[in-house]
């Protein structure tokens, strides 16, 4: 395996950030841990192509850098520990969101046999376009349903106070959000075609579309 490139000769915060986050697989491991705490076997399953030795090496390095830690599994006695992000690791989330938005136009159109993850569709193609200026003065909750998965979103950064019922519920598949962001479809066209189904007031729908830039 080639030696890892370091940028010690450059007095630059970007260079220092790349020393920590620039290794292959590091940001993708963090992406998985944003979704949920995971065991080693979970990470291997969700990161096709990574060798077990490479994953072990990356996890050890990320722990040494304070990006991740381990905690006991909830599976009872004998269960393996799980990996979780630290507060320092979570500081990289805005970096990943920016990369996701930058990389979205580079994705090829998904084929029928390509599985689009619901988490990616919601957190990249919807939440990744959150506009705090457009959300100013709006206090609403939104629920995105894709198959049997549910994703709560809010007009308030950080989620705001919990509510029993969301102001807007949206049912869809995952692919439609990628199609919208890649300009193959508009939000309005997807609704007319029944690919997106909404339940809630007109005001909440209008706010949702404005806050997340959905034409």
Protein backbone atom coordinates (compact mmCIF):
# COMPACT_ATOMS: atom_id res chain seq x y z
CA UNK A 1 0.00 0.00 0.00
CA UNK A 2 1.47 3.42 -0.94
CA UNK A 3 2.40 5.78 1.87
CA UNK A 4 -0.26 8.30 2.85
CA UNK A 5 0.41 11.76 1.46
CA UNK A 6 0.80 14.52 4.04
CA UNK A 7 0.92 18.27 3.51
CA UNK A 8 3.13 19.24 6.45
CA UNK A 9 5.21 21.62 4.32
CA UNK A 10 2.16 23.82 3.68
CA UNK A 11 1.01 26.20 6.42
CA UNK A 12 -2.63 26.09 5.36
CA UNK A 13 -5.84 25.02 7.15
CA UNK A 14 -7.07 23.24 4.01
CA UNK A 15 -3.87 21.21 3.96
CA UNK A 16 -4.27 20.34 7.65
CA UNK A 17 -7.91 19.34 7.12
CA UNK A 18 -6.86 17.07 4.24
CA UNK A 19 -4.26 15.47 6.50
CA UNK A 20 -7.18 14.32 8.66
CA UNK A 21 -10.08 13.91 6.22
CA UNK A 22 -8.30 13.33 2.92
CA UNK A 23 -7.48 9.65 3.29
CA UNK A 24 -9.53 7.39 1.07
CA UNK A 25 -12.69 6.10 2.83
CA UNK A 26 -12.47 8.47 5.80
CA UNK A 27 -15.33 10.76 4.76
CA UNK A 28 -17.41 7.80 3.60
CA UNK A 29 -16.99 6.15 7.01
CA UNK A 30 -18.11 9.40 8.63
CA UNK A 31 -21.06 9.50 6.23
CA UNK A 32 -22.19 6.11 7.51
CA UNK A 33 -21.80 7.16 11.13
CA UNK A 34 -23.92 10.26 10.51
CA UNK A 35 -26.72 7.88 9.61
CA UNK A 36 -26.33 5.79 12.77
CA UNK A 37 -23.81 4.21 15.10
CA UNK A 38 -22.54 1.05 13.41
CA UNK A 39 -20.64 -2.12 14.05
CA UNK A 40 -17.61 -3.14 12.01
CA UNK A 41 -19.76 -5.57 10.02
CA UNK A 42 -22.32 -2.84 9.32
CA UNK A 43 -19.61 -0.57 7.93
CA UNK A 44 -18.25 -3.34 5.71
CA UNK A 45 -21.73 -4.01 4.33
CA UNK A 46 -22.46 -0.34 3.69
CA UNK A 47 -19.06 0.41 2.15
CA UNK A 48 -18.74 -2.07 -0.72
CA UNK A 49 -15.19 -2.36 -1.97
CA UNK A 50 -13.34 -1.61 1.26
CA UNK A 51 -10.98 -4.34 2.45
CA UNK A 52 -11.29 -5.39 6.10
CA UNK A 53 -7.65 -4.47 6.77
CA UNK A 54 -8.15 -1.00 5.28
CA UNK A 55 -11.32 -0.46 7.32
CA UNK A 56 -9.51 -1.51 10.49
CA UNK A 57 -6.66 0.87 9.70
CA UNK A 58 -8.99 3.79 8.96
CA UNK A 59 -11.05 3.25 12.10
CA UNK A 60 -7.92 3.14 14.25
CA UNK A 61 -6.57 6.32 12.64
CA UNK A 62 -9.91 8.14 12.97
CA UNK A 63 -10.12 7.19 16.63
CA UNK A 64 -6.57 8.48 17.21
CA UNK A 65 -7.59 11.77 15.55
CA UNK A 66 -10.63 12.10 17.81
CA UNK A 67 -13.20 11.76 15.00
CA UNK A 68 -14.84 8.57 16.29
CA UNK A 69 -15.01 6.45 19.39
CA UNK A 70 -16.61 3.18 20.42
CA UNK A 71 -19.39 2.44 22.86
CA UNK A 72 -20.91 -0.83 24.10
CA UNK A 73 -23.57 -2.30 21.87
CA UNK A 74 -27.16 -2.45 23.07
CA UNK A 75 -27.24 -6.12 22.15
CA UNK A 76 -26.53 -7.38 25.64
CA UNK A 77 -23.63 -9.37 27.07
CA UNK A 78 -21.15 -10.57 24.48
CA UNK A 79 -22.33 -8.12 21.81
CA UNK A 80 -19.64 -6.27 19.90
CA UNK A 81 -19.05 -2.57 20.42
CA UNK A 82 -20.23 -0.03 17.90
CA UNK A 83 -18.53 2.98 16.36
CA UNK A 84 -19.96 6.45 16.92
CA UNK A 85 -18.96 9.98 15.91
CA UNK A 86 -17.48 12.35 18.44
CA UNK A 87 -18.32 16.05 18.65
CA UNK A 88 -15.14 16.72 16.67
CA UNK A 89 -16.24 14.27 14.00
CA UNK A 90 -19.62 15.96 13.72
CA UNK A 91 -17.88 19.23 12.94
CA UNK A 92 -17.10 17.67 9.54
CA UNK A 93 -20.80 17.35 8.65
CA UNK A 94 -20.97 20.76 6.89
CA UNK A 95 -17.91 19.72 4.85
CA UNK A 96 -19.68 16.53 3.76
CA UNK A 97 -22.86 18.42 2.90
CA UNK A 98 -20.90 20.85 0.74
CA UNK A 99 -19.16 17.97 -1.03
CA UNK A 100 -22.49 16.22 -1.56
CA UNK A 101 -24.03 19.28 -3.22
CA UNK A 102 -20.91 19.80 -5.32
CA UNK A 103 -20.85 16.16 -6.38
CA UNK A 104 -24.57 15.72 -7.06
CA UNK A 105 -24.37 17.02 -10.65
CA UNK A 106 -21.59 14.48 -11.30
CA UNK A 107 -23.82 11.49 -10.55
CA UNK A 108 -24.98 9.55 -13.57
CA UNK A 109 -28.73 9.13 -13.97
CA UNK A 110 -29.73 6.15 -11.80
CA UNK A 111 -30.72 3.06 -13.77
CA UNK A 112 -33.64 0.83 -12.82
CA UNK A 113 -31.29 -1.61 -11.08
CA UNK A 114 -29.45 1.13 -9.16
CA UNK A 115 -30.53 1.39 -5.54
CA UNK A 116 -30.87 5.01 -4.41
CA UNK A 117 -30.61 5.12 -0.63
CA UNK A 118 -33.47 6.91 1.06
CA UNK A 119 -31.11 8.55 3.55
CA UNK A 120 -28.98 9.98 0.75
CA UNK A 121 -32.02 11.26 -1.14
CA UNK A 122 -33.37 13.13 1.88
CA UNK A 123 -30.15 14.40 3.41
CA UNK A 124 -28.40 15.33 0.17
CA UNK A 125 -31.18 16.29 -2.24
CA UNK A 126 -33.50 17.92 0.31
CA UNK A 127 -31.82 18.82 3.62
CA UNK A 128 -28.59 19.73 1.82
CA UNK A 129 -30.39 22.69 0.22
CA UNK A 130 -31.75 24.15 3.46
CA UNK A 131 -31.82 27.95 3.30
CA UNK A 132 -31.76 29.60 6.75
CA UNK A 133 -32.67 32.98 5.25
CA UNK A 134 -35.81 31.56 3.63
CA UNK A 135 -36.63 29.77 6.89
CA UNK A 136 -36.47 32.92 9.02
CA UNK A 137 -39.70 33.36 10.99
CA UNK A 138 -41.08 29.92 10.02
CA UNK A 139 -41.57 27.27 12.72
CA UNK A 140 -42.79 24.08 11.06
CA UNK A 141 -42.08 20.35 11.03
CA UNK A 142 -41.98 18.17 7.92
CA UNK A 143 -41.98 14.38 7.61
CA UNK A 144 -40.55 12.67 4.51
CA UNK A 145 -41.63 9.06 3.97
CA UNK A 146 -39.76 6.83 1.54
CA UNK A 147 -40.97 3.26 1.64
CA UNK A 148 -41.01 2.22 5.28
CA UNK A 149 -38.44 4.85 6.31
CA UNK A 150 -39.34 8.20 7.85
CA UNK A 151 -37.18 11.32 8.01
CA UNK A 152 -38.22 14.34 10.11
CA UNK A 153 -37.12 17.76 8.88
CA UNK A 154 -37.71 21.20 10.34
CA UNK A 155 -37.76 24.81 9.26
CA UNK A 156 -35.86 25.53 12.48
CA UNK A 157 -32.15 24.71 12.48
CA UNK A 158 -31.56 22.02 15.06
CA UNK A 159 -35.12 20.69 14.84
CA UNK A 160 -36.92 22.98 17.26
CA UNK A 161 -39.41 21.74 19.83
CA UNK A 162 -41.04 18.35 19.30
CA UNK A 163 -44.63 18.17 18.05
CA UNK A 164 -47.18 15.38 17.94
CA UNK A 165 -48.04 15.95 14.28
CA UNK A 166 -45.95 17.41 11.43
CA UNK A 167 -47.24 20.38 9.46
CA UNK A 168 -46.52 18.57 6.20
CA UNK A 169 -46.13 14.88 5.28
CA UNK A 170 -44.52 13.91 1.96
CA UNK A 171 -44.56 10.38 0.52
CA UNK A 172 -42.29 9.55 -2.40
CA UNK A 173 -39.62 7.21 -3.68
CA UNK A 174 -35.93 8.03 -3.34
CA UNK A 175 -35.08 8.47 -7.00
CA UNK A 176 -37.50 11.33 -7.61
CA UNK A 177 -35.41 13.70 -5.45
CA UNK A 178 -32.28 12.95 -7.48
CA UNK A 179 -34.25 13.53 -10.69
CA UNK A 180 -35.44 16.89 -9.36
CA UNK A 181 -31.97 18.06 -8.38
CA UNK A 182 -30.54 16.98 -11.73
CA UNK A 183 -33.25 18.91 -13.58
CA UNK A 184 -34.98 15.93 -15.18
CA UNK A 185 -38.14 16.80 -13.29
CA UNK A 186 -39.57 19.65 -11.26
CA UNK A 187 -41.25 19.29 -7.88
CA UNK A 188 -44.55 20.40 -9.42
CA UNK A 189 -44.27 17.85 -12.24
CA UNK A 190 -43.49 15.09 -9.73
CA UNK A 191 -46.63 15.99 -7.74
CA UNK A 192 -48.81 15.98 -10.85
CA UNK A 193 -47.41 12.59 -11.85
CA UNK A 194 -48.13 11.17 -8.38
CA UNK A 195 -44.43 10.55 -7.67
CA UNK A 196 -44.69 12.93 -4.71
CA UNK A 197 -47.80 12.94 -2.52
CA UNK A 198 -48.32 15.60 0.12
CA UNK A 199 -50.63 15.97 3.11
CA UNK A 200 -50.80 19.28 4.93
CA UNK A 201 -51.71 22.92 4.48
CA UNK A 202 -50.86 25.01 1.44
CA UNK A 203 -48.82 27.39 3.53
CA UNK A 204 -46.63 24.58 4.91
CA UNK A 205 -46.09 23.19 1.41
CA UNK A 206 -45.15 26.63 0.07
CA UNK A 207 -42.75 27.17 2.97
CA UNK A 208 -41.17 23.75 2.49
CA UNK A 209 -40.57 24.37 -1.20
CA UNK A 210 -39.09 27.79 -0.55
CA UNK A 211 -36.87 26.71 2.36
CA UNK A 212 -35.42 23.74 0.46
CA UNK A 213 -35.38 25.41 -2.99
CA UNK A 214 -37.81 23.06 -4.72
CA UNK A 215 -39.42 24.59 -7.80
